[in-house]
């Protein structure tokens, strides 16, 4: 029923974890509408949510959802700019 290739492509492009996607009704509804626009298939958000969780459990190696790459600078590194940057004697570290 679902086109998994389209779902995986949308999932990666949105960059939202599956748990966050299915737990937020507004985001899930928007995701379902976008899926309908791309494929022409009408889909209920509840069924899409169930299918997305199954794809997550399946894993990328078996045709399911891939792990999303995190956007961070690595562990234990101070941010170079922004409100959380460490400032010592008028210098940003």
C-alpha atoms as a PDB file:
ATOM      1  CA  UNK A   1       0.000   0.000   0.000  1.00  0.00           C
ATOM      2  CA  UNK A   2       2.710   2.503   0.970  1.00  0.00           C
ATOM      3  CA  UNK A   3       5.587   3.491  -1.283  1.00  0.00           C
ATOM      4  CA  UNK A   4       8.496   2.963   1.087  1.00  0.00           C
ATOM      5  CA  UNK A   5      11.058   4.641  -1.180  1.00  0.00           C
ATOM      6  CA  UNK A   6       9.047   7.869  -1.085  1.00  0.00           C
ATOM      7  CA  UNK A   7       8.617   7.647   2.702  1.00  0.00           C
ATOM      8  CA  UNK A   8      12.343   7.108   3.248  1.00  0.00           C
ATOM      9  CA  UNK A   9      13.196  10.034   0.958  1.00  0.00           C
ATOM     10  CA  UNK A  10      10.745  12.309   2.781  1.00  0.00           C
ATOM     11  CA  UNK A  11      11.970  11.130   6.184  1.00  0.00           C
ATOM     12  CA  UNK A  12      15.591  11.930   5.368  1.00  0.00           C
ATOM     13  CA  UNK A  13      14.744  15.294   3.793  1.00  0.00           C
ATOM     14  CA  UNK A  14      12.692  16.380   6.827  1.00  0.00           C
ATOM     15  CA  UNK A  15      15.421  15.301   9.237  1.00  0.00           C
ATOM     16  CA  UNK A  16      12.967  14.624  12.069  1.00  0.00           C
ATOM     17  CA  UNK A  17      13.287  11.406  14.053  1.00  0.00           C
ATOM     18  CA  UNK A  18      10.490   8.915  13.646  1.00  0.00           C
ATOM     19  CA  UNK A  19       9.459   9.172  17.304  1.00  0.00           C
ATOM     20  CA  UNK A  20       9.137  12.964  17.081  1.00  0.00           C
ATOM     21  CA  UNK A  21       7.279  12.697  13.807  1.00  0.00           C
ATOM     22  CA  UNK A  22       4.614  10.292  15.041  1.00  0.00           C
ATOM     23  CA  UNK A  23       4.198  11.964  18.444  1.00  0.00           C
ATOM     24  CA  UNK A  24       3.424  15.412  17.010  1.00  0.00           C
ATOM     25  CA  UNK A  25      -0.039  15.441  15.362  1.00  0.00           C
ATOM     26  CA  UNK A  26       0.589  18.620  13.358  1.00  0.00           C
ATOM     27  CA  UNK A  27       3.875  17.365  11.935  1.00  0.00           C
ATOM     28  CA  UNK A  28       2.378  13.970  11.175  1.00  0.00           C
ATOM     29  CA  UNK A  29      -0.601  15.530   9.379  1.00  0.00           C
ATOM     30  CA  UNK A  30       1.712  17.723   7.310  1.00  0.00           C
ATOM     31  CA  UNK A  31       3.865  14.674   6.494  1.00  0.00           C
ATOM     32  CA  UNK A  32       0.765  12.711   5.431  1.00  0.00           C
ATOM     33  CA  UNK A  33      -0.405  15.576   3.189  1.00  0.00           C
ATOM     34  CA  UNK A  34       3.011  15.804   1.564  1.00  0.00           C
ATOM     35  CA  UNK A  35       2.997  12.044   0.978  1.00  0.00           C
ATOM     36  CA  UNK A  36      -0.428  12.343  -0.667  1.00  0.00           C
ATOM     37  CA  UNK A  37       0.815  15.196  -2.861  1.00  0.00           C
ATOM     38  CA  UNK A  38       3.844  13.165  -4.003  1.00  0.00           C
ATOM     39  CA  UNK A  39       2.120   9.840  -4.586  1.00  0.00           C
ATOM     40  CA  UNK A  40      -1.561  10.603  -5.076  1.00  0.00           C
ATOM     41  CA  UNK A  41      -2.445   8.066  -2.363  1.00  0.00           C
ATOM     42  CA  UNK A  42      -4.802   9.257   0.360  1.00  0.00           C
ATOM     43  CA  UNK A  43      -3.439   8.096   3.696  1.00  0.00           C
ATOM     44  CA  UNK A  44      -4.675   8.457   7.270  1.00  0.00           C
ATOM     45  CA  UNK A  45      -2.089   9.892   9.664  1.00  0.00           C
ATOM     46  CA  UNK A  46      -2.704   7.030  12.145  1.00  0.00           C
ATOM     47  CA  UNK A  47      -1.917   4.383   9.527  1.00  0.00           C
ATOM     48  CA  UNK A  48       1.106   6.342   8.341  1.00  0.00           C
ATOM     49  CA  UNK A  49       2.317   6.580  11.940  1.00  0.00           C
ATOM     50  CA  UNK A  50       1.994   2.819  12.408  1.00  0.00           C
ATOM     51  CA  UNK A  51       3.805   2.116   9.139  1.00  0.00           C
ATOM     52  CA  UNK A  52       6.622   4.574   9.931  1.00  0.00           C
ATOM     53  CA  UNK A  53       7.232   2.904  13.301  1.00  0.00           C
ATOM     54  CA  UNK A  54       7.375  -0.491  11.582  1.00  0.00           C
ATOM     55  CA  UNK A  55       9.897   0.871   9.080  1.00  0.00           C
ATOM     56  CA  UNK A  56      11.986   2.243  11.936  1.00  0.00           C
ATOM     57  CA  UNK A  57      11.992  -1.126  13.688  1.00  0.00           C
ATOM     58  CA  UNK A  58      12.894  -2.864  10.425  1.00  0.00           C
ATOM     59  CA  UNK A  59      16.084  -0.831  10.008  1.00  0.00           C
ATOM     60  CA  UNK A  60      17.907   0.420   6.937  1.00  0.00           C
ATOM     61  CA  UNK A  61      19.546  -2.903   6.085  1.00  0.00           C
ATOM     62  CA  UNK A  62      16.152  -4.527   5.595  1.00  0.00           C
ATOM     63  CA  UNK A  63      14.559  -1.681   3.642  1.00  0.00           C
ATOM     64  CA  UNK A  64      13.407   0.422   6.577  1.00  0.00           C
ATOM     65  CA  UNK A  65      14.295   3.884   7.797  1.00  0.00           C
ATOM     66  CA  UNK A  66      17.947   4.894   7.995  1.00  0.00           C
ATOM     67  CA  UNK A  67      19.511   6.504  11.034  1.00  0.00           C
ATOM     68  CA  UNK A  68      19.553  10.266  10.758  1.00  0.00           C
ATOM     69  CA  UNK A  69      22.914  11.959  10.995  1.00  0.00           C
ATOM     70  CA  UNK A  70      23.203  14.342  13.889  1.00  0.00           C
ATOM     71  CA  UNK A  71      24.223  17.906  13.210  1.00  0.00           C
ATOM     72  CA  UNK A  72      26.694  18.689  15.960  1.00  0.00           C
ATOM     73  CA  UNK A  73      30.342  19.608  16.229  1.00  0.00           C
ATOM     74  CA  UNK A  74      31.350  16.518  18.150  1.00  0.00           C
ATOM     75  CA  UNK A  75      31.308  15.690  21.806  1.00  0.00           C
ATOM     76  CA  UNK A  76      32.881  17.836  24.460  1.00  0.00           C
ATOM     77  CA  UNK A  77      33.558  20.746  22.111  1.00  0.00           C
ATOM     78  CA  UNK A  78      32.546  24.262  22.940  1.00  0.00           C
ATOM     79  CA  UNK A  79      30.456  26.089  20.359  1.00  0.00           C
ATOM     80  CA  UNK A  80      32.479  28.668  18.483  1.00  0.00           C
ATOM     81  CA  UNK A  81      29.702  31.243  18.194  1.00  0.00           C
ATOM     82  CA  UNK A  82      26.302  31.990  19.602  1.00  0.00           C
ATOM     83  CA  UNK A  83      24.794  32.571  23.020  1.00  0.00           C
ATOM     84  CA  UNK A  84      26.417  29.494  24.578  1.00  0.00           C
ATOM     85  CA  UNK A  85      29.962  30.330  23.443  1.00  0.00           C
ATOM     86  CA  UNK A  86      32.436  30.664  26.266  1.00  0.00           C
ATOM     87  CA  UNK A  87      33.762  34.216  26.584  1.00  0.00           C
ATOM     88  CA  UNK A  88      36.905  34.826  28.633  1.00  0.00           C
ATOM     89  CA  UNK A  89      38.430  38.301  28.852  1.00  0.00           C
ATOM     90  CA  UNK A  90      36.523  39.566  25.834  1.00  0.00           C
ATOM     91  CA  UNK A  91      37.626  36.635  23.671  1.00  0.00           C
ATOM     92  CA  UNK A  92      35.434  33.818  22.355  1.00  0.00           C
ATOM     93  CA  UNK A  93      36.943  30.419  22.969  1.00  0.00           C
END
